[in-house]
Amino acid sequence: MVVSVCAVPRILSVCVRIVKEEFLRDAAEAYPKAAGYLAAWIRTVRAATWRSLADVRSSYPATDMVRVSSGHPVMVFNVCGNTYRLIVAIHFDRQMAYTLRFFTHAEYSKGYWKDEL
């Protein structure tokens, strides 16, 4: 008896992995007002399958892409309105989100962080 197995291609959906998640917990501890937002951000990102900035904006419409000194793009998330900024490098092809910086709006506006990344 011969059993034939038909291979059906599957599209695997891989959720975004957060690198340096402890950084976000530390930010939440240092800035308690942002703790709820950051916890929700972690849950949202873990469940996401973002492939582009447009996908990110479907979850976080106010997200901006900024090109830093190294020439690489980073995503800037407005946290708690305009109170804080979360800077993240998202590698869509690998489904990885690297948390880089967390600032107050005033610190972010100084712009020095762009030269550091």
N, C-alpha and C. Protein backbone atom coordinates (compact mmCIF):
# COMPACT_ATOMS: atom_id res chain seq x y z
N MET A 1 0.85 -1.18 0.00
CA MET A 1 0.00 0.00 0.00
C MET A 1 0.89 1.24 0.00
N VAL A 2 0.62 2.17 -0.90
CA VAL A 2 1.40 3.40 -1.03
C VAL A 2 0.54 4.56 -0.53
N VAL A 3 1.10 5.30 0.38
CA VAL A 3 0.39 6.46 0.90
C VAL A 3 1.03 7.71 0.30
N SER A 4 0.23 8.52 -0.30
CA SER A 4 0.72 9.73 -0.92
C SER A 4 0.47 10.91 0.01
N VAL A 5 1.51 11.67 0.23
CA VAL A 5 1.38 12.85 1.08
C VAL A 5 1.56 14.07 0.20
N CYS A 6 0.59 14.92 0.21
CA CYS A 6 0.64 16.15 -0.59
C CYS A 6 1.15 17.28 0.30
N ALA A 7 2.26 17.84 -0.10
CA ALA A 7 2.82 18.94 0.68
C ALA A 7 2.12 20.24 0.29
N VAL A 8 1.46 20.81 1.25
CA VAL A 8 0.78 22.09 1.04
C VAL A 8 1.64 23.18 1.65
N PRO A 9 2.03 24.16 0.86
CA PRO A 9 2.86 25.23 1.43
C PRO A 9 2.09 26.00 2.49
N ARG A 10 2.78 26.29 3.55
CA ARG A 10 2.17 27.06 4.64
C ARG A 10 2.89 28.38 4.78
N ILE A 11 2.13 29.38 5.10
CA ILE A 11 2.72 30.68 5.40
C ILE A 11 2.79 30.78 6.91
N LEU A 12 3.99 30.82 7.41
CA LEU A 12 4.17 30.91 8.85
C LEU A 12 4.16 32.36 9.28
N SER A 13 3.46 32.63 10.32
CA SER A 13 3.39 33.97 10.86
C SER A 13 4.25 34.02 12.11
N VAL A 14 5.33 34.75 12.06
CA VAL A 14 6.24 34.84 13.18
C VAL A 14 6.03 36.20 13.85
N CYS A 15 5.76 36.17 15.12
CA CYS A 15 5.53 37.42 15.85
C CYS A 15 6.85 38.13 16.12
N VAL A 16 6.74 39.41 16.35
CA VAL A 16 7.92 40.24 16.60
C VAL A 16 8.50 39.88 17.97
N ARG A 17 9.81 39.75 17.99
CA ARG A 17 10.54 39.47 19.24
C ARG A 17 11.16 40.77 19.72
N ILE A 18 11.03 41.06 20.99
CA ILE A 18 11.58 42.28 21.58
C ILE A 18 12.94 41.97 22.18
N VAL A 19 13.95 42.71 21.76
CA VAL A 19 15.29 42.57 22.31
C VAL A 19 15.48 43.67 23.36
N LYS A 20 16.01 43.30 24.50
CA LYS A 20 16.19 44.20 25.65
C LYS A 20 14.85 44.60 26.27
N GLU A 21 14.00 43.62 26.48
CA GLU A 21 12.70 43.88 27.09
C GLU A 21 12.86 44.39 28.52
N GLU A 22 13.91 43.96 29.20
CA GLU A 22 14.16 44.44 30.56
C GLU A 22 14.37 45.96 30.58
N PHE A 23 14.92 46.50 29.50
CA PHE A 23 15.08 47.94 29.35
C PHE A 23 13.73 48.64 29.52
N LEU A 24 12.67 48.04 28.96
CA LEU A 24 11.33 48.63 29.06
C LEU A 24 10.79 48.54 30.49
N ARG A 25 11.08 47.44 31.15
CA ARG A 25 10.66 47.32 32.56
C ARG A 25 11.38 48.35 33.42
N ASP A 26 12.67 48.57 33.15
CA ASP A 26 13.42 49.59 33.89
C ASP A 26 12.85 50.98 33.62
N ALA A 27 12.48 51.25 32.38
CA ALA A 27 11.88 52.55 32.04
C ALA A 27 10.55 52.72 32.75
N ALA A 28 9.77 51.66 32.83
CA ALA A 28 8.47 51.72 33.52
C ALA A 28 8.66 52.00 35.01
N GLU A 29 9.72 51.45 35.57
CA GLU A 29 10.00 51.70 36.99
C GLU A 29 10.47 53.14 37.20
N ALA A 30 11.30 53.64 36.30
CA ALA A 30 11.81 55.01 36.41
C ALA A 30 10.74 56.05 36.10
N TYR A 31 9.80 55.70 35.23
CA TYR A 31 8.73 56.62 34.82
C TYR A 31 7.38 55.92 35.02
N PRO A 32 6.89 55.87 36.26
CA PRO A 32 5.66 55.13 36.56
C PRO A 32 4.46 55.54 35.71
N LYS A 33 4.41 56.80 35.29
CA LYS A 33 3.30 57.27 34.46
C LYS A 33 3.24 56.50 33.14
N ALA A 34 4.39 56.03 32.66
CA ALA A 34 4.46 55.31 31.38
C ALA A 34 4.32 53.80 31.52
N ALA A 35 4.25 53.29 32.73
CA ALA A 35 4.26 51.84 32.96
C ALA A 35 3.13 51.11 32.23
N GLY A 36 1.93 51.62 32.30
CA GLY A 36 0.79 50.98 31.64
C GLY A 36 0.96 50.94 30.13
N TYR A 37 1.42 52.06 29.57
CA TYR A 37 1.64 52.12 28.12
C TYR A 37 2.69 51.11 27.71
N LEU A 38 3.82 51.06 28.45
CA LEU A 38 4.91 50.16 28.08
C LEU A 38 4.49 48.69 28.19
N ALA A 39 3.72 48.36 29.20
CA ALA A 39 3.23 46.98 29.33
C ALA A 39 2.32 46.62 28.16
N ALA A 40 1.47 47.54 27.77
CA ALA A 40 0.58 47.31 26.62
C ALA A 40 1.39 47.23 25.33
N TRP A 41 2.43 48.06 25.20
CA TRP A 41 3.29 48.04 24.02
C TRP A 41 3.95 46.67 23.88
N ILE A 42 4.46 46.14 24.98
CA ILE A 42 5.09 44.82 24.96
C ILE A 42 4.10 43.77 24.48
N ARG A 43 2.89 43.77 25.02
CA ARG A 43 1.87 42.78 24.60
C ARG A 43 1.53 42.93 23.12
N THR A 44 1.38 44.16 22.67
CA THR A 44 1.04 44.42 21.27
C THR A 44 2.15 43.95 20.34
N VAL A 45 3.39 44.28 20.66
CA VAL A 45 4.51 43.93 19.80
C VAL A 45 4.71 42.41 19.77
N ARG A 46 4.59 41.76 20.89
CA ARG A 46 4.74 40.30 20.93
C ARG A 46 3.74 39.60 20.01
N ALA A 47 2.57 40.18 19.84
CA ALA A 47 1.52 39.57 19.02
C ALA A 47 1.56 40.06 17.57
N ALA A 48 2.40 41.04 17.28
CA ALA A 48 2.42 41.66 15.95
C ALA A 48 3.20 40.84 14.94
N THR A 49 2.86 41.05 13.68
CA THR A 49 3.62 40.50 12.55
C THR A 49 3.87 41.65 11.58
N TRP A 50 4.55 42.67 12.07
CA TRP A 50 4.79 43.86 11.28
C TRP A 50 5.77 43.59 10.16
N ARG A 51 5.44 44.07 8.97
CA ARG A 51 6.30 43.92 7.80
C ARG A 51 6.75 45.27 7.24
N SER A 52 6.19 46.36 7.80
CA SER A 52 6.51 47.69 7.28
C SER A 52 6.07 48.75 8.28
N LEU A 53 6.47 49.98 8.02
CA LEU A 53 6.03 51.11 8.84
C LEU A 53 4.51 51.21 8.82
N ALA A 54 3.90 50.93 7.69
CA ALA A 54 2.43 50.99 7.59
C ALA A 54 1.79 50.00 8.56
N ASP A 55 2.39 48.82 8.72
CA ASP A 55 1.87 47.84 9.67
C ASP A 55 2.00 48.36 11.10
N VAL A 56 3.14 48.97 11.41
CA VAL A 56 3.35 49.54 12.75
C VAL A 56 2.29 50.61 13.00
N ARG A 57 2.07 51.45 12.00
CA ARG A 57 1.09 52.54 12.16
C ARG A 57 -0.34 52.03 12.29
N SER A 58 -0.60 50.81 11.86
CA SER A 58 -1.95 50.26 12.07
C SER A 58 -2.20 50.02 13.56
N SER A 59 -1.13 49.79 14.31
CA SER A 59 -1.24 49.64 15.77
C SER A 59 -0.97 50.95 16.50
N TYR A 60 0.00 51.71 16.00
CA TYR A 60 0.41 52.97 16.62
C TYR A 60 0.49 54.05 15.54
N PRO A 61 -0.63 54.71 15.25
CA PRO A 61 -0.70 55.67 14.14
C PRO A 61 0.29 56.84 14.23
N ALA A 62 0.68 57.24 15.42
CA ALA A 62 1.56 58.40 15.57
C ALA A 62 3.04 58.04 15.48
N THR A 63 3.37 56.82 15.11
CA THR A 63 4.76 56.40 15.00
C THR A 63 5.44 57.07 13.81
N ASP A 64 6.66 57.55 14.05
CA ASP A 64 7.44 58.17 12.99
C ASP A 64 8.72 57.38 12.76
N MET A 65 9.21 57.41 11.53
CA MET A 65 10.50 56.83 11.21
C MET A 65 11.49 57.97 11.09
N VAL A 66 12.63 57.83 11.77
CA VAL A 66 13.68 58.84 11.74
C VAL A 66 14.98 58.15 11.34
N ARG A 67 15.71 58.75 10.44
CA ARG A 67 17.01 58.22 10.05
C ARG A 67 18.07 58.87 10.95
N VAL A 68 18.87 58.03 11.63
CA VAL A 68 19.87 58.54 12.57
C VAL A 68 21.23 58.65 11.87
N SER A 69 22.24 59.13 12.59
CA SER A 69 23.57 59.40 12.01
C SER A 69 24.17 58.20 11.29
N SER A 70 23.93 57.01 11.77
CA SER A 70 24.48 55.81 11.14
C SER A 70 23.82 55.53 9.80
N GLY A 71 22.73 56.23 9.52
CA GLY A 71 21.99 56.01 8.28
C GLY A 71 20.85 55.03 8.43
N HIS A 72 20.76 54.39 9.59
CA HIS A 72 19.71 53.41 9.83
C HIS A 72 18.42 54.08 10.29
N PRO A 73 17.29 53.51 9.92
CA PRO A 73 16.01 54.06 10.39
C PRO A 73 15.66 53.51 11.77
N VAL A 74 15.05 54.34 12.58
CA VAL A 74 14.50 53.91 13.86
C VAL A 74 13.05 54.40 13.93
N MET A 75 12.27 53.73 14.74
CA MET A 75 10.88 54.12 14.94
C MET A 75 10.78 54.91 16.24
N VAL A 76 10.02 55.99 16.19
CA VAL A 76 9.81 56.83 17.36
C VAL A 76 8.34 56.70 17.74
N PHE A 77 8.10 56.16 18.93
CA PHE A 77 6.75 55.99 19.45
C PHE A 77 6.47 57.09 20.46
N ASN A 78 5.34 57.77 20.32
CA ASN A 78 4.90 58.75 21.31
C ASN A 78 4.27 57.98 22.46
N VAL A 79 4.76 58.20 23.65
CA VAL A 79 4.27 57.50 24.83
C VAL A 79 3.52 58.47 25.72
N CYS A 80 2.33 58.11 26.13
CA CYS A 80 1.51 58.96 27.00
C CYS A 80 1.32 60.33 26.35
N GLY A 81 0.77 60.31 25.16
CA GLY A 81 0.61 61.56 24.41
C GLY A 81 1.98 62.00 23.93
N ASN A 82 2.41 63.16 24.32
CA ASN A 82 3.74 63.64 23.95
C ASN A 82 4.67 63.73 25.15
N THR A 83 4.37 63.02 26.22
CA THR A 83 5.17 63.11 27.43
C THR A 83 6.52 62.42 27.28
N TYR A 84 6.54 61.25 26.64
CA TYR A 84 7.76 60.46 26.49
C TYR A 84 7.91 60.00 25.05
N ARG A 85 9.12 59.52 24.73
CA ARG A 85 9.40 58.94 23.41
C ARG A 85 10.15 57.62 23.62
N LEU A 86 9.73 56.61 22.89
CA LEU A 86 10.39 55.32 22.87
C LEU A 86 11.03 55.15 21.49
N ILE A 87 12.34 54.91 21.47
CA ILE A 87 13.07 54.75 20.21
C ILE A 87 13.38 53.26 20.04
N VAL A 88 12.98 52.72 18.88
CA VAL A 88 13.12 51.28 18.62
C VAL A 88 13.60 51.08 17.19
N ALA A 89 14.56 50.16 17.02
CA ALA A 89 14.98 49.73 15.68
C ALA A 89 14.22 48.45 15.38
N ILE A 90 13.44 48.46 14.33
CA ILE A 90 12.67 47.28 13.97
C ILE A 90 13.25 46.69 12.68
N HIS A 91 13.62 45.43 12.76
CA HIS A 91 14.11 44.70 11.60
C HIS A 91 12.95 43.84 11.11
N PHE A 92 12.22 44.36 10.15
CA PHE A 92 11.01 43.69 9.68
C PHE A 92 11.30 42.31 9.09
N ASP A 93 12.43 42.17 8.39
CA ASP A 93 12.76 40.89 7.77
C ASP A 93 13.03 39.79 8.79
N ARG A 94 13.48 40.17 9.98
CA ARG A 94 13.76 39.18 11.04
C ARG A 94 12.73 39.19 12.16
N GLN A 95 11.76 40.11 12.07
CA GLN A 95 10.74 40.25 13.09
C GLN A 95 11.37 40.48 14.47
N MET A 96 12.29 41.44 14.52
CA MET A 96 12.99 41.80 15.75
C MET A 96 12.80 43.29 16.03
N ALA A 97 12.55 43.61 17.28
CA ALA A 97 12.43 45.00 17.71
C ALA A 97 13.47 45.25 18.80
N TYR A 98 14.42 46.12 18.52
CA TYR A 98 15.49 46.44 19.45
C TYR A 98 15.16 47.75 20.16
N THR A 99 14.91 47.66 21.45
CA THR A 99 14.62 48.87 22.21
C THR A 99 15.94 49.62 22.44
N LEU A 100 15.96 50.90 22.09
CA LEU A 100 17.20 51.66 22.11
C LEU A 100 17.23 52.77 23.16
N ARG A 101 16.18 53.58 23.21
CA ARG A 101 16.17 54.72 24.13
C ARG A 101 14.74 54.98 24.61
N PHE A 102 14.65 55.56 25.80
CA PHE A 102 13.37 56.03 26.34
C PHE A 102 13.65 57.39 26.95
N PHE A 103 12.93 58.41 26.49
CA PHE A 103 13.18 59.79 26.90
C PHE A 103 11.92 60.50 27.32
N THR A 104 12.12 61.57 28.07
CA THR A 104 11.04 62.54 28.20
C THR A 104 11.02 63.30 26.87
N HIS A 105 9.94 64.00 26.62
CA HIS A 105 9.84 64.76 25.38
C HIS A 105 10.95 65.82 25.31
N ALA A 106 11.25 66.44 26.43
CA ALA A 106 12.29 67.47 26.46
C ALA A 106 13.65 66.89 26.10
N GLU A 107 13.98 65.70 26.63
CA GLU A 107 15.27 65.06 26.32
C GLU A 107 15.33 64.68 24.83
N TYR A 108 14.23 64.15 24.33
CA TYR A 108 14.15 63.75 22.93
C TYR A 108 14.39 64.95 22.01
N SER A 109 13.80 66.08 22.36
CA SER A 109 13.88 67.28 21.52
C SER A 109 15.29 67.82 21.38
N LYS A 110 16.18 67.51 22.31
CA LYS A 110 17.56 67.96 22.21
C LYS A 110 18.28 67.32 21.02
N GLY A 111 17.84 66.14 20.61
CA GLY A 111 18.33 65.51 19.40
C GLY A 111 19.68 64.83 19.47
N TYR A 112 20.40 64.92 20.59
CA TYR A 112 21.73 64.32 20.68
C TYR A 112 21.71 62.81 20.45
N TRP A 113 20.62 62.18 20.75
CA TRP A 113 20.50 60.72 20.61
C TRP A 113 20.67 60.27 19.17
N LYS A 114 20.33 61.13 18.21
CA LYS A 114 20.47 60.78 16.79
C LYS A 114 21.93 60.54 16.42
N ASP A 115 22.83 61.28 17.07
CA ASP A 115 24.26 61.12 16.80
C ASP A 115 24.83 59.88 17.46
N GLU A 116 24.16 59.39 18.50
CA GLU A 116 24.65 58.22 19.23
C GLU A 116 24.25 56.90 18.58
N LEU A 117 23.25 56.94 17.71
CA LEU A 117 22.74 55.70 17.14
C LEU A 117 23.21 55.50 15.70
